[in-house]
Structures are given as C-alpha cells and as structure tokens.
Amino acid sequence: MTGQSSESGERIPVRVLGGPTVLIEYGGLRVLTDPTFDDRGEYPSPSGRTLVKTAPPRTSAAELGPVDVVLLSHDQHADNLDHSGRSVLAATPRTFTTPAAAERLGGSTVPLIPWQSAELPRPDGGTVTVTATPALHGPKGSEPLVGEVTGFLLTSADLPSVYVSGDNASLELVQEIADRHGPVDTAVLFAGAPRLAVLDDALLVLDGKGAATAAELLGARRVVPAHCDSWAHFTEGREEVVTAFTEAGLADRLQLD
C-alpha cells in the first residue's frame, strides 16, 4: 500500500468545482486538476470538435486563489482545458501533464510518462510525490483520434494516497494501477460516459458502472466523482453515478459535496 489510510474523509480536502476541475489540498499544497473556468457556451477544441458547456463553474478562477500545482490530464479537448484554464496554468508554478501536452503548452509544464514520478517540497518540510498513471481516452486503438492522456497518484510518507483518473475509459489500466499502488485512500474518478460516433459510440471515459468497478478494484475508501456535469456531450450525470454505486453496494464511499 502507498501512503496511509485515513478514517476521516476530511483529512484530505477534495472539492469538485465543475466538470473535471477539482481542488485537492494535499500536504499543504493546493493541487488543481484540469482547470475549466469559462462560462456556458460553445467551445471548439483543438481537435476540431465543438463542445457545449451547459453550466458555469461553481467557483471562478479569481475566487479560487493561488494554486501550487496543476495536474492536467490533457490539453486537446476544451472540456479539460479552456481559455480561463490556460490563464490558470500561466499563473501556476508547475503543471504536470503528458509529453504531447507539455510540448504544445510550454511554460511551466512538466511532462511525465506513465509511472514516472516527480517530487514537490511540502511547506512543512516533507515531500509530495506525483506519479503519472496510465490512462486511455477511449477503446484500444483510439489513441490517434483522441490523443494522449494521463492520470496521477499523489503520495506522501504520512498522508493517505489520492488517485486522479483523468479521462480514462480502461478498467484494465485501473487494475494495473491497483496492482502497483492499491489500495488507494481517495479516488477522484472522472466519469460522465461521453461517447463518440466515429468510435461506434464506445465510451471515452468511464460510465457510472465502470466507476463503481474501478472503486472496487482500487479498494478506495472514498470516491469523489468528477467530469460528470456541465457538458452536453456527457451521456450520464451524477445521478447515474450514484445509482451505479448504490447498486454495487458502494454508495457509502461517495463524496458528492
């Protein structure tokens, strides 16, 4: 097991700000995932697909305040990095992401390949380790179409571990992560079940049932669902995630606030 488990779900504060954007306070560091702070509207992605945002962020970038590090699953889709999110990156000391995204974004971005780690100093003198975890944004073979993505694992000697899935649809990769680093204390699981017609409507990110299975595989004590609201192309929302966890007998693991 990596890190320590915690009986209190409040030991590591985790707050979903809308879509895939989650604020994690870990070892005195303010860690933000996939920053998306633009208002509702239509947003063309660098990939050429236009995505429709249906709700504003729960917190604005200005209200968020300074961030120490960003964990960016990928940059090629507007629902994971928007215009305001790019401004957040520019003001953040360090952003970990895929090699492809780091090459495109430049600045303070740091590329990590799967299982590669980097260390960050904690304000109290300890160290936080950020490890990139493998992710697949669709079915096998879809990489040339959907692009490179990554997940992350946060660990520290005296803190419970936190896994951030990123835009991952592969339970096989979740099993690999569990085999190497499980059980994890908190799993921030991206869901929403987006699908793409050119991939025969295959899942691009986990659906509710897949998220429940991932939680079981990881042995996660607490699950924070993200990436399941605010965008029209998501085919499932939080209700479907709650239903799936309830049917799997895992509803008590969910943190929905």
C-alpha atoms as a PDB file:
ATOM      1  CA  MET A   1       0.000   0.000   0.000  1.00  0.00           C
ATOM      2  CA  THR A   2       1.195   3.521  -0.850  1.00  0.00           C
ATOM      3  CA  GLY A   3       0.629   6.192   1.788  1.00  0.00           C
ATOM      4  CA  GLN A   4      -1.577   5.723   4.826  1.00  0.00           C
ATOM      5  CA  SER A   5      -5.307   5.184   5.028  1.00  0.00           C
ATOM      6  CA  SER A   6      -7.473   7.636   6.914  1.00  0.00           C
ATOM      7  CA  GLU A   7     -10.598   7.104   8.940  1.00  0.00           C
ATOM      8  CA  SER A   8     -11.655  10.689   8.276  1.00  0.00           C
ATOM      9  CA  GLY A   9     -12.754  11.726   4.796  1.00  0.00           C
ATOM     10  CA  GLU A  10     -11.890  15.300   5.743  1.00  0.00           C
ATOM     11  CA  ARG A  11      -8.187  14.683   6.264  1.00  0.00           C
ATOM     12  CA  ILE A  12      -7.506  15.411   2.586  1.00  0.00           C
ATOM     13  CA  PRO A  13      -9.956  18.115   1.499  1.00  0.00           C
ATOM     14  CA  VAL A  14     -11.255  17.485  -2.039  1.00  0.00           C
ATOM     15  CA  ARG A  15     -13.750  19.813  -3.732  1.00  0.00           C
ATOM     16  CA  VAL A  16     -15.253  19.459  -7.219  1.00  0.00           C
ATOM     17  CA  LEU A  17     -15.540  22.864  -8.906  1.00  0.00           C
ATOM     18  CA  GLY A  18     -17.392  21.659 -12.016  1.00  0.00           C
ATOM     19  CA  GLY A  19     -16.635  19.253 -14.856  1.00  0.00           C
ATOM     20  CA  PRO A  20     -13.134  17.771 -14.394  1.00  0.00           C
ATOM     21  CA  THR A  21     -11.882  20.628 -12.216  1.00  0.00           C
ATOM     22  CA  VAL A  22     -11.133  19.504  -8.663  1.00  0.00           C
ATOM     23  CA  LEU A  23      -9.235  21.250  -5.876  1.00  0.00           C
ATOM     24  CA  ILE A  24      -7.194  18.944  -3.636  1.00  0.00           C
ATOM     25  CA  GLU A  25      -5.377  20.263  -0.563  1.00  0.00           C
ATOM     26  CA  TYR A  26      -2.527  17.832  -0.079  1.00  0.00           C
ATOM     27  CA  GLY A  27       0.385  18.238   2.313  1.00  0.00           C
ATOM     28  CA  GLY A  28      -0.112  21.994   2.460  1.00  0.00           C
ATOM     29  CA  LEU A  29      -0.179  22.262  -1.349  1.00  0.00           C
ATOM     30  CA  ARG A  30      -3.171  23.431  -3.372  1.00  0.00           C
ATOM     31  CA  VAL A  31      -3.463  20.967  -6.247  1.00  0.00           C
ATOM     32  CA  LEU A  32      -5.900  21.583  -9.115  1.00  0.00           C
ATOM     33  CA  THR A  33      -6.976  19.147 -11.817  1.00  0.00           C
ATOM     34  CA  ASP A  34      -7.916  20.046 -15.415  1.00  0.00           C
ATOM     35  CA  PRO A  35      -8.783  23.755 -14.996  1.00  0.00           C
ATOM     36  CA  THR A  36     -12.035  24.808 -16.707  1.00  0.00           C
ATOM     37  CA  PHE A  37     -13.434  28.164 -15.558  1.00  0.00           C
ATOM     38  CA  ASP A  38     -15.157  29.564 -18.674  1.00  0.00           C
ATOM     39  CA  ASP A  39     -18.891  30.289 -18.671  1.00  0.00           C
ATOM     40  CA  ARG A  40     -21.500  28.206 -20.504  1.00  0.00           C
ATOM     41  CA  GLY A  41     -21.346  28.295 -24.307  1.00  0.00           C
ATOM     42  CA  GLU A  42     -19.845  26.602 -27.357  1.00  0.00           C
ATOM     43  CA  TYR A  43     -16.124  25.802 -27.301  1.00  0.00           C
ATOM     44  CA  PRO A  44     -14.169  24.453 -30.261  1.00  0.00           C
ATOM     45  CA  SER A  45     -11.446  22.033 -29.204  1.00  0.00           C
ATOM     46  CA  PRO A  46      -8.001  21.987 -30.804  1.00  0.00           C
ATOM     47  CA  SER A  47      -9.097  18.556 -32.068  1.00  0.00           C
ATOM     48  CA  GLY A  48     -11.727  20.261 -34.231  1.00  0.00           C
ATOM     49  CA  ARG A  49     -14.784  19.153 -32.265  1.00  0.00           C
ATOM     50  CA  THR A  50     -17.068  21.825 -30.765  1.00  0.00           C
ATOM     51  CA  LEU A  51     -18.220  21.077 -27.219  1.00  0.00           C
ATOM     52  CA  VAL A  52     -21.139  22.753 -25.450  1.00  0.00           C
ATOM     53  CA  LYS A  53     -20.780  23.795 -21.827  1.00  0.00           C
ATOM     54  CA  THR A  54     -24.147  23.860 -20.070  1.00  0.00           C
ATOM     55  CA  ALA A  55     -23.307  25.329 -16.644  1.00  0.00           C
ATOM     56  CA  PRO A  56     -20.894  27.900 -15.219  1.00  0.00           C
ATOM     57  CA  PRO A  57     -18.116  26.852 -12.831  1.00  0.00           C
ATOM     58  CA  ARG A  58     -19.028  26.682  -9.152  1.00  0.00           C
ATOM     59  CA  THR A  59     -16.012  28.883  -8.389  1.00  0.00           C
ATOM     60  CA  SER A  60     -14.341  31.417 -10.659  1.00  0.00           C
ATOM     61  CA  ALA A  61     -10.617  31.402 -11.290  1.00  0.00           C
ATOM     62  CA  ALA A  62     -10.362  34.689  -9.379  1.00  0.00           C
ATOM     63  CA  GLU A  63     -12.237  33.256  -6.388  1.00  0.00           C
ATOM     64  CA  LEU A  64     -10.075  30.137  -6.448  1.00  0.00           C
ATOM     65  CA  GLY A  65      -6.918  31.999  -5.496  1.00  0.00           C
ATOM     66  CA  PRO A  66      -3.324  30.830  -5.994  1.00  0.00           C
ATOM     67  CA  VAL A  67      -2.639  27.226  -6.970  1.00  0.00           C
ATOM     68  CA  ASP A  68       0.655  25.432  -6.307  1.00  0.00           C
ATOM     69  CA  VAL A  69       0.411  22.722  -8.955  1.00  0.00           C
ATOM     70  CA  VAL A  70      -1.932  21.629 -11.737  1.00  0.00           C
ATOM     71  CA  LEU A  71      -2.479  18.004 -12.735  1.00  0.00           C
ATOM     72  CA  LEU A  72      -3.565  18.206 -16.377  1.00  0.00           C
ATOM     73  CA  SER A  73      -4.956  15.028 -17.911  1.00  0.00           C
ATOM     74  CA  HIS A  74      -4.604  16.508 -21.411  1.00  0.00           C
ATOM     75  CA  ASP A  75      -4.929  19.785 -23.273  1.00  0.00           C
ATOM     76  CA  GLN A  76      -6.517  18.808 -26.592  1.00  0.00           C
ATOM     77  CA  HIS A  77     -10.179  18.945 -25.508  1.00  0.00           C
ATOM     78  CA  ALA A  78     -11.970  22.095 -24.364  1.00  0.00           C
ATOM     79  CA  ASP A  79     -13.789  20.315 -21.538  1.00  0.00           C
ATOM     80  CA  ASN A  80     -10.443  19.596 -19.860  1.00  0.00           C
ATOM     81  CA  LEU A  81      -8.625  22.862 -20.526  1.00  0.00           C
ATOM     82  CA  ASP A  82     -10.449  26.027 -21.577  1.00  0.00           C
ATOM     83  CA  HIS A  83      -9.422  29.647 -22.126  1.00  0.00           C
ATOM     84  CA  SER A  84      -9.595  30.612 -18.447  1.00  0.00           C
ATOM     85  CA  GLY A  85      -7.849  27.365 -17.562  1.00  0.00           C
ATOM     86  CA  ARG A  86      -4.895  28.328 -19.718  1.00  0.00           C
ATOM     87  CA  SER A  87      -4.610  31.557 -17.737  1.00  0.00           C
ATOM     88  CA  VAL A  88      -4.551  29.479 -14.552  1.00  0.00           C
ATOM     89  CA  LEU A  89      -1.691  27.422 -15.979  1.00  0.00           C
ATOM     90  CA  ALA A  90       0.259  30.577 -16.761  1.00  0.00           C
ATOM     91  CA  ALA A  91      -0.045  31.689 -13.114  1.00  0.00           C
ATOM     92  CA  THR A  92       0.784  28.287 -11.600  1.00  0.00           C
ATOM     93  CA  PRO A  93       4.399  27.408 -10.720  1.00  0.00           C
ATOM     94  CA  ARG A  94       4.196  23.868 -12.098  1.00  0.00           C
ATOM     95  CA  THR A  95       1.849  21.803 -14.267  1.00  0.00           C
ATOM     96  CA  PHE A  96       2.278  18.067 -14.752  1.00  0.00           C
ATOM     97  CA  THR A  97       0.835  16.610 -17.944  1.00  0.00           C
ATOM     98  CA  THR A  98       1.531  14.335 -20.912  1.00  0.00           C
ATOM     99  CA  PRO A  99       4.648  14.807 -23.041  1.00  0.00           C
ATOM    100  CA  ALA A 100       2.470  15.825 -26.016  1.00  0.00           C
ATOM    101  CA  ALA A 101       0.620  18.464 -23.982  1.00  0.00           C
ATOM    102  CA  ALA A 102       3.842  19.770 -22.425  1.00  0.00           C
ATOM    103  CA  GLU A 103       5.332  20.236 -25.882  1.00  0.00           C
ATOM    104  CA  ARG A 104       2.280  22.178 -27.058  1.00  0.00           C
ATOM    105  CA  LEU A 105       1.847  24.281 -23.921  1.00  0.00           C
ATOM    106  CA  GLY A 106       5.438  25.025 -22.903  1.00  0.00           C
ATOM    107  CA  GLY A 107       5.802  27.395 -19.962  1.00  0.00           C
ATOM    108  CA  SER A 108       5.868  25.721 -16.559  1.00  0.00           C
ATOM    109  CA  THR A 109       4.538  22.385 -17.816  1.00  0.00           C
ATOM    110  CA  VAL A 110       6.460  19.230 -16.876  1.00  0.00           C
ATOM    111  CA  PRO A 111       5.999  16.085 -18.985  1.00  0.00           C
ATOM    112  CA  LEU A 112       5.514  12.760 -17.239  1.00  0.00           C
ATOM    113  CA  ILE A 113       5.235   9.360 -18.895  1.00  0.00           C
ATOM    114  CA  PRO A 114       3.284   6.565 -17.169  1.00  0.00           C
ATOM    115  CA  TRP A 115       4.862   5.519 -13.843  1.00  0.00           C
ATOM    116  CA  GLN A 116       7.318   8.422 -13.910  1.00  0.00           C
ATOM    117  CA  SER A 117       7.388  10.422 -10.663  1.00  0.00           C
ATOM    118  CA  ALA A 118       8.351  13.907  -9.570  1.00  0.00           C
ATOM    119  CA  GLU A 119       8.776  15.277  -6.057  1.00  0.00           C
ATOM    120  CA  LEU A 120       7.419  18.524  -4.643  1.00  0.00           C
ATOM    121  CA  PRO A 121       8.519  20.107  -1.361  1.00  0.00           C
ATOM    122  CA  ARG A 122       5.797  20.492   1.267  1.00  0.00           C
ATOM    123  CA  PRO A 123       5.547  23.707   3.289  1.00  0.00           C
ATOM    124  CA  ASP A 124       6.145  21.655   6.446  1.00  0.00           C
ATOM    125  CA  GLY A 125       9.406  20.250   5.101  1.00  0.00           C
ATOM    126  CA  GLY A 126       8.080  16.930   3.824  1.00  0.00           C
ATOM    127  CA  THR A 127       7.748  15.765   0.222  1.00  0.00           C
ATOM    128  CA  VAL A 128       4.797  15.036  -2.049  1.00  0.00           C
ATOM    129  CA  THR A 129       5.360  12.550  -4.854  1.00  0.00           C
ATOM    130  CA  VAL A 130       3.364  12.972  -8.075  1.00  0.00           C
ATOM    131  CA  THR A 131       3.282   9.806 -10.178  1.00  0.00           C
ATOM    132  CA  ALA A 132       1.782   9.665 -13.658  1.00  0.00           C
ATOM    133  CA  THR A 133      -0.587   6.741 -14.143  1.00  0.00           C
ATOM    134  CA  PRO A 134      -1.620   5.245 -17.487  1.00  0.00           C
ATOM    135  CA  ALA A 135      -4.948   6.280 -18.989  1.00  0.00           C
ATOM    136  CA  LEU A 136      -6.776   5.569 -22.240  1.00  0.00           C
ATOM    137  CA  HIS A 137      -9.321   8.088 -23.542  1.00  0.00           C
ATOM    138  CA  GLY A 138     -11.465   5.505 -25.340  1.00  0.00           C
ATOM    139  CA  PRO A 139     -11.198   1.931 -26.578  1.00  0.00           C
ATOM    140  CA  LYS A 140      -7.885   0.351 -27.512  1.00  0.00           C
ATOM    141  CA  GLY A 141      -6.630   1.742 -30.788  1.00  0.00           C
ATOM    142  CA  SER A 142      -8.347   5.115 -30.375  1.00  0.00           C
ATOM    143  CA  GLU A 143      -5.177   6.981 -29.402  1.00  0.00           C
ATOM    144  CA  PRO A 144      -4.535   8.514 -32.859  1.00  0.00           C
ATOM    145  CA  LEU A 145      -8.029  10.034 -32.767  1.00  0.00           C
ATOM    146  CA  VAL A 146      -8.426  11.091 -29.127  1.00  0.00           C
ATOM    147  CA  GLY A 147      -4.801  11.825 -28.272  1.00  0.00           C
ATOM    148  CA  GLU A 148      -2.564  11.194 -25.290  1.00  0.00           C
ATOM    149  CA  VAL A 149      -3.972  11.405 -21.747  1.00  0.00           C
ATOM    150  CA  THR A 150      -2.729  10.651 -18.248  1.00  0.00           C
ATOM    151  CA  GLY A 151      -3.873  10.120 -14.677  1.00  0.00           C
ATOM    152  CA  PHE A 152      -1.998  10.848 -11.456  1.00  0.00           C
ATOM    153  CA  LEU A 153      -1.259   9.482  -7.996  1.00  0.00           C
ATOM    154  CA  LEU A 154      -0.396  11.720  -5.034  1.00  0.00           C
ATOM    155  CA  THR A 155       1.540  10.145  -2.170  1.00  0.00           C
ATOM    156  CA  SER A 156       3.495  11.290   0.859  1.00  0.00           C
ATOM    157  CA  ALA A 157       5.036   9.420   3.767  1.00  0.00           C
ATOM    158  CA  ASP A 158       2.432  10.420   6.360  1.00  0.00           C
ATOM    159  CA  LEU A 159      -0.613  11.086   4.165  1.00  0.00           C
ATOM    160  CA  PRO A 160      -3.257   8.868   2.552  1.00  0.00           C
ATOM    161  CA  SER A 161      -2.891   8.388  -1.195  1.00  0.00           C
ATOM    162  CA  VAL A 162      -5.056  10.184  -3.754  1.00  0.00           C
ATOM    163  CA  TYR A 163      -5.604   8.825  -7.268  1.00  0.00           C
ATOM    164  CA  VAL A 164      -6.887  11.096 -10.063  1.00  0.00           C
ATOM    165  CA  SER A 165      -8.033   9.053 -13.047  1.00  0.00           C
ATOM    166  CA  GLY A 166      -8.057  11.732 -15.723  1.00  0.00           C
ATOM    167  CA  ASP A 167     -10.068  10.924 -18.844  1.00  0.00           C
ATOM    168  CA  ASN A 168      -9.655   7.164 -18.632  1.00  0.00           C
ATOM    169  CA  ALA A 169     -12.028   4.513 -20.015  1.00  0.00           C
ATOM    170  CA  SER A 170      -9.896   1.419 -19.373  1.00  0.00           C
ATOM    171  CA  LEU A 171     -10.631  -0.803 -16.376  1.00  0.00           C
ATOM    172  CA  GLU A 172      -7.665  -2.920 -17.423  1.00  0.00           C
ATOM    173  CA  LEU A 173      -5.420   0.051 -16.685  1.00  0.00           C
ATOM    174  CA  VAL A 174      -7.224   0.663 -13.387  1.00  0.00           C
ATOM    175  CA  GLN A 175      -6.401  -2.918 -12.433  1.00  0.00           C
ATOM    176  CA  GLU A 176      -2.751  -2.291 -13.301  1.00  0.00           C
ATOM    177  CA  ILE A 177      -2.737   0.804 -11.086  1.00  0.00           C
ATOM    178  CA  ALA A 178      -4.373  -1.152  -8.259  1.00  0.00           C
ATOM    179  CA  ASP A 179      -1.814  -3.936  -8.592  1.00  0.00           C
ATOM    180  CA  ARG A 180       1.058  -1.462  -8.275  1.00  0.00           C
ATOM    181  CA  HIS A 181      -0.292   1.065  -5.777  1.00  0.00           C
ATOM    182  CA  GLY A 182      -3.531  -0.203  -4.242  1.00  0.00           C
ATOM    183  CA  PRO A 183      -5.399   0.149  -2.137  1.00  0.00           C
ATOM    184  CA  VAL A 184      -5.738   3.918  -2.564  1.00  0.00           C
ATOM    185  CA  ASP A 185      -7.446   6.034   0.058  1.00  0.00           C
ATOM    186  CA  THR A 186      -9.241   8.551  -2.176  1.00  0.00           C
ATOM    187  CA  ALA A 187     -10.075   8.061  -5.847  1.00  0.00           C
ATOM    188  CA  VAL A 188     -11.108  11.087  -7.895  1.00  0.00           C
ATOM    189  CA  LEU A 189     -12.812   9.270 -10.769  1.00  0.00           C
ATOM    190  CA  PHE A 190     -13.699  11.043 -13.997  1.00  0.00           C
ATOM    191  CA  ALA A 191     -16.985   9.693 -15.350  1.00  0.00           C
ATOM    192  CA  GLY A 192     -19.834  11.128 -17.467  1.00  0.00           C
ATOM    193  CA  ALA A 193     -19.781   8.393 -20.134  1.00  0.00           C
ATOM    194  CA  PRO A 194     -19.012  10.605 -23.157  1.00  0.00           C
ATOM    195  CA  ARG A 195     -19.170   8.691 -26.429  1.00  0.00           C
ATOM    196  CA  LEU A 196     -18.010   9.327 -29.995  1.00  0.00           C
ATOM    197  CA  ALA A 197     -19.905   8.205 -33.089  1.00  0.00           C
ATOM    198  CA  VAL A 198     -16.747   7.585 -35.126  1.00  0.00           C
ATOM    199  CA  LEU A 199     -15.712   5.087 -32.451  1.00  0.00           C
ATOM    200  CA  ASP A 200     -19.068   3.279 -32.658  1.00  0.00           C
ATOM    201  CA  ASP A 201     -20.283   5.137 -29.550  1.00  0.00           C
ATOM    202  CA  ALA A 202     -17.624   3.485 -27.405  1.00  0.00           C
ATOM    203  CA  LEU A 203     -17.009   5.050 -24.005  1.00  0.00           C
ATOM    204  CA  LEU A 204     -14.348   7.773 -23.961  1.00  0.00           C
ATOM    205  CA  VAL A 205     -14.386   7.974 -20.142  1.00  0.00           C
ATOM    206  CA  LEU A 206     -15.894   5.646 -17.535  1.00  0.00           C
ATOM    207  CA  ASP A 207     -19.637   5.435 -17.025  1.00  0.00           C
ATOM    208  CA  GLY A 208     -21.199   5.055 -13.583  1.00  0.00           C
ATOM    209  CA  LYS A 209     -20.928   1.276 -13.543  1.00  0.00           C
ATOM    210  CA  GLY A 210     -17.324   1.458 -14.673  1.00  0.00           C
ATOM    211  CA  ALA A 211     -16.537   3.977 -11.945  1.00  0.00           C
ATOM    212  CA  ALA A 212     -18.055   1.643  -9.328  1.00  0.00           C
ATOM    213  CA  THR A 213     -15.951  -1.219 -10.658  1.00  0.00           C
ATOM    214  CA  ALA A 214     -12.858   0.991 -10.596  1.00  0.00           C
ATOM    215  CA  ALA A 215     -13.564   1.878  -6.965  1.00  0.00           C
ATOM    216  CA  GLU A 216     -13.708  -1.815  -6.073  1.00  0.00           C
ATOM    217  CA  LEU A 217     -10.522  -2.611  -7.970  1.00  0.00           C
ATOM    218  CA  LEU A 218      -8.667   0.219  -6.255  1.00  0.00           C
ATOM    219  CA  GLY A 219     -10.025  -0.610  -2.805  1.00  0.00           C
ATOM    220  CA  ALA A 220     -10.814   3.096  -2.469  1.00  0.00           C
ATOM    221  CA  ARG A 221     -12.201   4.191   0.887  1.00  0.00           C
ATOM    222  CA  ARG A 222     -13.539   7.432  -0.568  1.00  0.00           C
ATOM    223  CA  VAL A 223     -14.611   8.179  -4.157  1.00  0.00           C
ATOM    224  CA  VAL A 224     -15.088  11.694  -5.496  1.00  0.00           C
ATOM    225  CA  PRO A 225     -16.860  11.634  -8.880  1.00  0.00           C
ATOM    226  CA  ALA A 226     -15.909  14.379 -11.321  1.00  0.00           C
ATOM    227  CA  HIS A 227     -16.250  15.036 -15.067  1.00  0.00           C
ATOM    228  CA  CYS A 228     -19.956  14.129 -14.935  1.00  0.00           C
ATOM    229  CA  ASP A 229     -21.652  17.531 -15.133  1.00  0.00           C
ATOM    230  CA  SER A 230     -21.624  20.834 -17.036  1.00  0.00           C
ATOM    231  CA  TRP A 231     -21.113  19.488 -20.584  1.00  0.00           C
ATOM    232  CA  ALA A 232     -23.739  18.443 -23.151  1.00  0.00           C
ATOM    233  CA  HIS A 233     -21.711  15.561 -24.593  1.00  0.00           C
ATOM    234  CA  PHE A 234     -21.728  13.656 -21.305  1.00  0.00           C
ATOM    235  CA  THR A 235     -24.349  10.906 -21.608  1.00  0.00           C
ATOM    236  CA  GLU A 236     -24.512  10.347 -17.838  1.00  0.00           C
ATOM    237  CA  GLY A 237     -24.565  12.659 -14.845  1.00  0.00           C
ATOM    238  CA  ARG A 238     -24.139  12.352 -11.108  1.00  0.00           C
ATOM    239  CA  GLU A 239     -27.483  10.580 -10.726  1.00  0.00           C
ATOM    240  CA  GLU A 240     -26.268   7.669 -12.830  1.00  0.00           C
ATOM    241  CA  VAL A 241     -23.035   7.503 -10.837  1.00  0.00           C
ATOM    242  CA  VAL A 242     -24.961   7.408  -7.546  1.00  0.00           C
ATOM    243  CA  THR A 243     -27.308   4.734  -8.926  1.00  0.00           C
ATOM    244  CA  ALA A 244     -24.396   2.572 -10.056  1.00  0.00           C
ATOM    245  CA  PHE A 245     -22.614   2.857  -6.702  1.00  0.00           C
ATOM    246  CA  THR A 246     -25.852   2.129  -4.854  1.00  0.00           C
ATOM    247  CA  GLU A 247     -26.487  -0.985  -6.936  1.00  0.00           C
ATOM    248  CA  ALA A 248     -22.906  -2.106  -6.261  1.00  0.00           C
ATOM    249  CA  GLY A 249     -23.320  -1.550  -2.516  1.00  0.00           C
ATOM    250  CA  LEU A 250     -20.713   1.223  -2.543  1.00  0.00           C
ATOM    251  CA  ALA A 251     -22.831   4.334  -2.016  1.00  0.00           C
ATOM    252  CA  ASP A 252     -21.245   4.953   1.386  1.00  0.00           C
ATOM    253  CA  ARG A 253     -17.898   5.566  -0.307  1.00  0.00           C
ATOM    254  CA  LEU A 254     -19.147   8.503  -2.389  1.00  0.00           C
ATOM    255  CA  GLN A 255     -18.337  12.106  -1.563  1.00  0.00           C
ATOM    256  CA  LEU A 256     -20.768  14.289  -3.522  1.00  0.00           C
ATOM    257  CA  ASP A 257     -20.205  17.705  -1.920  1.00  0.00           C
END
